[in-house]
Amino acid sequence: MNYEVNVLINDERRSLTVVDGANLRRTLLNAGISPYAPLTRTLNCGGRGLCATCGVLIEAGAPDPTHWHDQLAKRFGYPRLSCQITVRGAMTVRIITDKIIWGSGARDGGE
């Protein structure tokens, strides 16, 4: 089964067809969309859920979190780790384009 994942990047919308069970981080990277800030594109944990730099905002269709960091992010409204999200349905994801390193930026009071 395939699902539509809409990816919002500022005012742009991209639609991806994603197979059930795909990892969101890998899906984004394979489509040429980086969930990282410029510095962390090369300095990250490779999708192991350790560095918290691949955060995205899920605007619709958010799956239940399974990773401890992702559980806290959902509870407090922080960006969710794309490396810890398995696509199980249609969703809309916003790429945070103003983050410095760990999702900090205009949305959450960072510089």
N, C-alpha and C. Protein backbone atom coordinates (compact mmCIF):
# COMPACT_ATOMS: atom_id res chain seq x y z
N MET A 1 0.84 -1.17 0.00
CA MET A 1 0.00 0.00 0.00
C MET A 1 0.89 1.24 0.00
N ASN A 2 0.47 2.26 -0.71
CA ASN A 2 1.19 3.53 -0.79
C ASN A 2 0.36 4.64 -0.16
N TYR A 3 1.05 5.64 0.35
CA TYR A 3 0.40 6.80 0.95
C TYR A 3 0.97 8.08 0.35
N GLU A 4 0.17 9.13 0.40
CA GLU A 4 0.65 10.44 -0.03
C GLU A 4 1.20 11.19 1.17
N VAL A 5 2.44 11.63 1.03
CA VAL A 5 3.07 12.46 2.05
C VAL A 5 3.30 13.82 1.41
N ASN A 6 2.60 14.82 1.94
CA ASN A 6 2.79 16.19 1.47
C ASN A 6 3.88 16.82 2.31
N VAL A 7 4.85 17.41 1.63
CA VAL A 7 5.98 18.04 2.29
C VAL A 7 5.91 19.53 2.02
N LEU A 8 5.83 20.32 3.08
CA LEU A 8 5.77 21.77 2.98
C LEU A 8 7.14 22.36 3.28
N ILE A 9 7.65 23.15 2.35
CA ILE A 9 8.93 23.82 2.52
C ILE A 9 8.67 25.29 2.24
N ASN A 10 8.57 26.09 3.30
CA ASN A 10 8.14 27.49 3.18
C ASN A 10 6.80 27.52 2.45
N ASP A 11 6.70 28.17 1.29
CA ASP A 11 5.44 28.25 0.56
C ASP A 11 5.30 27.16 -0.50
N GLU A 12 6.28 26.29 -0.61
CA GLU A 12 6.25 25.21 -1.61
C GLU A 12 5.63 23.95 -1.02
N ARG A 13 4.88 23.22 -1.85
CA ARG A 13 4.31 21.94 -1.44
C ARG A 13 4.78 20.88 -2.43
N ARG A 14 5.35 19.80 -1.89
CA ARG A 14 5.74 18.66 -2.72
C ARG A 14 4.96 17.46 -2.25
N SER A 15 4.51 16.67 -3.19
CA SER A 15 3.76 15.47 -2.87
C SER A 15 4.59 14.25 -3.22
N LEU A 16 4.75 13.36 -2.24
CA LEU A 16 5.53 12.14 -2.43
C LEU A 16 4.61 10.93 -2.26
N THR A 17 4.80 9.93 -3.08
CA THR A 17 4.10 8.66 -2.90
C THR A 17 5.05 7.75 -2.14
N VAL A 18 4.60 7.29 -0.98
CA VAL A 18 5.48 6.57 -0.06
C VAL A 18 4.86 5.22 0.28
N VAL A 19 5.68 4.19 0.24
CA VAL A 19 5.22 2.84 0.54
C VAL A 19 5.01 2.69 2.06
N ASP A 20 4.02 1.93 2.43
CA ASP A 20 3.72 1.66 3.83
C ASP A 20 4.96 1.09 4.52
N GLY A 21 5.28 1.65 5.68
CA GLY A 21 6.40 1.16 6.48
C GLY A 21 7.71 1.86 6.19
N ALA A 22 7.72 2.82 5.27
CA ALA A 22 8.95 3.53 4.95
C ALA A 22 9.35 4.46 6.10
N ASN A 23 10.64 4.67 6.24
CA ASN A 23 11.17 5.60 7.22
C ASN A 23 11.08 7.01 6.64
N LEU A 24 10.53 7.95 7.40
CA LEU A 24 10.32 9.30 6.89
C LEU A 24 11.64 10.00 6.55
N ARG A 25 12.64 9.91 7.40
CA ARG A 25 13.93 10.56 7.13
C ARG A 25 14.52 10.07 5.82
N ARG A 26 14.58 8.75 5.64
CA ARG A 26 15.14 8.20 4.40
C ARG A 26 14.31 8.60 3.19
N THR A 27 13.00 8.63 3.36
CA THR A 27 12.11 9.04 2.27
C THR A 27 12.40 10.47 1.85
N LEU A 28 12.53 11.37 2.83
CA LEU A 28 12.83 12.77 2.52
C LEU A 28 14.18 12.90 1.82
N LEU A 29 15.19 12.26 2.36
CA LEU A 29 16.53 12.35 1.77
C LEU A 29 16.55 11.78 0.35
N ASN A 30 15.88 10.66 0.13
CA ASN A 30 15.81 10.06 -1.21
C ASN A 30 15.12 10.97 -2.21
N ALA A 31 14.22 11.85 -1.72
CA ALA A 31 13.52 12.79 -2.59
C ALA A 31 14.28 14.11 -2.74
N GLY A 32 15.47 14.17 -2.15
CA GLY A 32 16.27 15.39 -2.23
C GLY A 32 15.83 16.48 -1.27
N ILE A 33 15.13 16.09 -0.21
CA ILE A 33 14.64 17.04 0.79
C ILE A 33 15.37 16.76 2.09
N SER A 34 16.07 17.76 2.61
CA SER A 34 16.82 17.56 3.85
C SER A 34 16.03 18.04 5.06
N PRO A 35 15.89 17.18 6.08
CA PRO A 35 15.26 17.61 7.32
C PRO A 35 16.24 18.32 8.25
N TYR A 36 17.49 18.49 7.81
CA TYR A 36 18.56 19.03 8.65
C TYR A 36 18.79 20.51 8.41
N ALA A 37 19.39 21.16 9.41
CA ALA A 37 19.94 22.50 9.25
C ALA A 37 21.24 22.37 8.45
N PRO A 38 21.73 23.44 7.84
CA PRO A 38 22.95 23.32 7.03
C PRO A 38 24.12 22.65 7.76
N LEU A 39 24.37 23.00 9.01
CA LEU A 39 25.49 22.42 9.75
C LEU A 39 25.32 20.93 10.01
N THR A 40 24.09 20.50 10.29
CA THR A 40 23.88 19.11 10.66
C THR A 40 23.61 18.19 9.48
N ARG A 41 23.66 18.71 8.26
CA ARG A 41 23.51 17.82 7.10
C ARG A 41 24.63 16.80 7.05
N THR A 42 25.80 17.17 7.53
CA THR A 42 26.92 16.22 7.55
C THR A 42 27.26 15.76 8.96
N LEU A 43 26.86 16.52 9.95
CA LEU A 43 27.15 16.17 11.34
C LEU A 43 25.86 15.72 12.02
N ASN A 44 25.52 14.45 11.82
CA ASN A 44 24.32 13.90 12.44
C ASN A 44 24.56 12.43 12.75
N CYS A 45 23.63 11.80 13.40
CA CYS A 45 23.81 10.42 13.86
C CYS A 45 23.42 9.37 12.80
N GLY A 46 23.04 9.81 11.62
CA GLY A 46 22.70 8.86 10.57
C GLY A 46 21.35 8.18 10.75
N GLY A 47 20.47 8.81 11.49
CA GLY A 47 19.13 8.26 11.64
C GLY A 47 18.95 7.28 12.78
N ARG A 48 19.79 7.36 13.79
CA ARG A 48 19.68 6.45 14.94
C ARG A 48 18.92 7.05 16.13
N GLY A 49 18.39 8.26 15.97
CA GLY A 49 17.61 8.87 17.06
C GLY A 49 18.45 9.39 18.19
N LEU A 50 19.71 9.70 17.94
CA LEU A 50 20.61 10.14 19.01
C LEU A 50 20.88 11.63 19.03
N CYS A 51 20.84 12.28 17.87
CA CYS A 51 21.27 13.68 17.81
C CYS A 51 20.13 14.69 17.78
N ALA A 52 18.93 14.25 17.46
CA ALA A 52 17.73 15.11 17.45
C ALA A 52 17.85 16.27 16.47
N THR A 53 18.54 16.08 15.36
CA THR A 53 18.71 17.18 14.40
C THR A 53 17.82 17.05 13.17
N CYS A 54 17.08 15.97 13.01
CA CYS A 54 16.26 15.76 11.81
C CYS A 54 14.79 16.06 12.08
N GLY A 55 14.53 16.95 13.02
CA GLY A 55 13.17 17.26 13.41
C GLY A 55 12.35 17.93 12.32
N VAL A 56 11.09 17.52 12.22
CA VAL A 56 10.12 18.11 11.29
C VAL A 56 8.83 18.33 12.07
N LEU A 57 7.99 19.20 11.56
CA LEU A 57 6.67 19.40 12.15
C LEU A 57 5.67 18.58 11.36
N ILE A 58 4.87 17.79 12.02
CA ILE A 58 3.85 17.01 11.34
C ILE A 58 2.53 17.73 11.53
N GLU A 59 2.00 18.25 10.43
CA GLU A 59 0.79 19.07 10.50
C GLU A 59 -0.48 18.25 10.37
N ALA A 60 -0.39 17.07 9.79
CA ALA A 60 -1.58 16.20 9.67
C ALA A 60 -1.11 14.76 9.54
N GLY A 61 -1.87 13.85 10.12
CA GLY A 61 -1.58 12.43 10.00
C GLY A 61 -0.42 11.94 10.85
N ALA A 62 -0.18 12.59 11.96
CA ALA A 62 0.95 12.22 12.82
C ALA A 62 0.76 10.82 13.40
N PRO A 63 1.75 9.94 13.20
CA PRO A 63 1.66 8.62 13.81
C PRO A 63 1.99 8.69 15.30
N ASP A 64 1.58 7.68 16.03
CA ASP A 64 1.93 7.62 17.44
C ASP A 64 3.44 7.43 17.56
N PRO A 65 4.07 8.15 18.48
CA PRO A 65 5.52 8.01 18.65
C PRO A 65 5.89 6.70 19.35
N THR A 66 7.05 6.17 18.99
CA THR A 66 7.56 4.97 19.64
C THR A 66 8.89 5.24 20.35
N HIS A 67 9.64 6.21 19.91
CA HIS A 67 10.95 6.57 20.48
C HIS A 67 10.73 7.55 21.63
N TRP A 68 11.53 7.46 22.68
CA TRP A 68 11.32 8.30 23.87
C TRP A 68 11.39 9.79 23.54
N HIS A 69 12.34 10.19 22.68
CA HIS A 69 12.47 11.61 22.32
C HIS A 69 11.24 12.05 21.54
N ASP A 70 10.78 11.19 20.66
CA ASP A 70 9.61 11.51 19.85
C ASP A 70 8.35 11.60 20.71
N GLN A 71 8.27 10.79 21.75
CA GLN A 71 7.13 10.86 22.68
C GLN A 71 7.10 12.22 23.38
N LEU A 72 8.27 12.69 23.82
CA LEU A 72 8.35 14.00 24.47
C LEU A 72 8.03 15.11 23.48
N ALA A 73 8.53 14.99 22.26
CA ALA A 73 8.28 16.01 21.24
C ALA A 73 6.79 16.14 20.97
N LYS A 74 6.11 15.02 20.83
CA LYS A 74 4.67 15.06 20.57
C LYS A 74 3.94 15.67 21.76
N ARG A 75 4.32 15.27 22.95
CA ARG A 75 3.65 15.76 24.16
C ARG A 75 3.76 17.27 24.33
N PHE A 76 4.95 17.83 23.99
CA PHE A 76 5.18 19.25 24.21
C PHE A 76 5.13 20.09 22.94
N GLY A 77 4.78 19.48 21.81
CA GLY A 77 4.62 20.23 20.57
C GLY A 77 5.91 20.60 19.87
N TYR A 78 6.98 19.89 20.15
CA TYR A 78 8.26 20.14 19.51
C TYR A 78 8.34 19.39 18.18
N PRO A 79 9.33 19.72 17.36
CA PRO A 79 9.51 18.95 16.12
C PRO A 79 9.72 17.46 16.42
N ARG A 80 9.16 16.62 15.57
CA ARG A 80 9.30 15.17 15.71
C ARG A 80 10.52 14.71 14.93
N LEU A 81 11.20 13.69 15.39
CA LEU A 81 12.37 13.15 14.71
C LEU A 81 11.94 12.36 13.48
N SER A 82 12.33 12.83 12.32
CA SER A 82 11.94 12.14 11.08
C SER A 82 12.56 10.75 11.01
N CYS A 83 13.70 10.55 11.66
CA CYS A 83 14.36 9.24 11.63
C CYS A 83 13.60 8.19 12.44
N GLN A 84 12.70 8.63 13.30
CA GLN A 84 11.96 7.71 14.16
C GLN A 84 10.49 7.57 13.74
N ILE A 85 10.16 8.09 12.57
CA ILE A 85 8.77 8.03 12.11
C ILE A 85 8.64 7.03 10.97
N THR A 86 7.76 6.08 11.16
CA THR A 86 7.42 5.11 10.13
C THR A 86 6.12 5.57 9.49
N VAL A 87 6.13 5.67 8.17
CA VAL A 87 4.94 6.11 7.44
C VAL A 87 3.93 4.96 7.42
N ARG A 88 2.78 5.21 8.04
CA ARG A 88 1.70 4.22 8.10
C ARG A 88 0.39 4.77 7.55
N GLY A 89 0.45 5.98 6.99
CA GLY A 89 -0.73 6.62 6.44
C GLY A 89 -0.36 7.94 5.80
N ALA A 90 -1.33 8.58 5.20
CA ALA A 90 -1.11 9.89 4.59
C ALA A 90 -0.74 10.88 5.68
N MET A 91 0.15 11.82 5.36
CA MET A 91 0.54 12.82 6.33
C MET A 91 1.02 14.08 5.62
N THR A 92 1.04 15.16 6.37
CA THR A 92 1.60 16.42 5.89
C THR A 92 2.72 16.80 6.85
N VAL A 93 3.89 17.04 6.28
CA VAL A 93 5.10 17.31 7.05
C VAL A 93 5.64 18.67 6.65
N ARG A 94 6.01 19.49 7.62
CA ARG A 94 6.64 20.78 7.34
C ARG A 94 8.12 20.70 7.68
N ILE A 95 8.95 21.05 6.70
CA ILE A 95 10.40 21.13 6.91
C ILE A 95 10.68 22.47 7.59
N ILE A 96 11.42 22.44 8.66
CA ILE A 96 11.76 23.65 9.39
C ILE A 96 12.99 24.26 8.72
N THR A 97 12.80 25.38 8.07
CA THR A 97 13.89 25.98 7.29
C THR A 97 14.69 27.01 8.07
N ASP A 98 14.23 27.39 9.25
CA ASP A 98 14.94 28.41 10.01
C ASP A 98 15.65 27.86 11.24
N LYS A 99 15.82 26.54 11.31
CA LYS A 99 16.48 25.99 12.49
C LYS A 99 17.99 26.17 12.39
N ILE A 100 18.59 26.33 13.53
CA ILE A 100 20.03 26.51 13.63
C ILE A 100 20.69 25.13 13.71
N ILE A 101 20.39 24.39 14.76
CA ILE A 101 20.95 23.05 14.91
C ILE A 101 19.84 22.07 15.28
N TRP A 102 19.27 22.17 16.47
CA TRP A 102 18.29 21.19 16.95
C TRP A 102 16.86 21.70 16.87
N GLY A 103 16.51 22.33 15.80
CA GLY A 103 15.14 22.80 15.66
C GLY A 103 14.95 24.20 16.21
N SER A 104 16.02 24.81 16.76
CA SER A 104 15.86 26.16 17.28
C SER A 104 15.73 27.15 16.14
N GLY A 105 14.94 28.15 16.34
CA GLY A 105 14.72 29.16 15.32
C GLY A 105 13.58 30.05 15.75
N ALA A 106 13.00 30.76 14.82
CA ALA A 106 11.97 31.74 15.13
C ALA A 106 10.76 31.11 15.80
N ARG A 107 10.39 29.88 15.47
CA ARG A 107 9.19 29.26 16.00
C ARG A 107 9.28 28.95 17.49
N ASP A 108 10.48 28.65 17.97
CA ASP A 108 10.55 28.23 19.37
C ASP A 108 11.47 29.11 20.21
N GLY A 109 11.62 30.35 19.79
CA GLY A 109 12.33 31.30 20.64
C GLY A 109 13.82 31.34 20.44
N GLY A 110 14.37 30.53 19.53
CA GLY A 110 15.81 30.58 19.27
C GLY A 110 16.17 31.77 18.42
N GLU A 111 17.44 31.89 18.11
CA GLU A 111 17.90 33.03 17.30
C GLU A 111 17.77 32.75 15.83
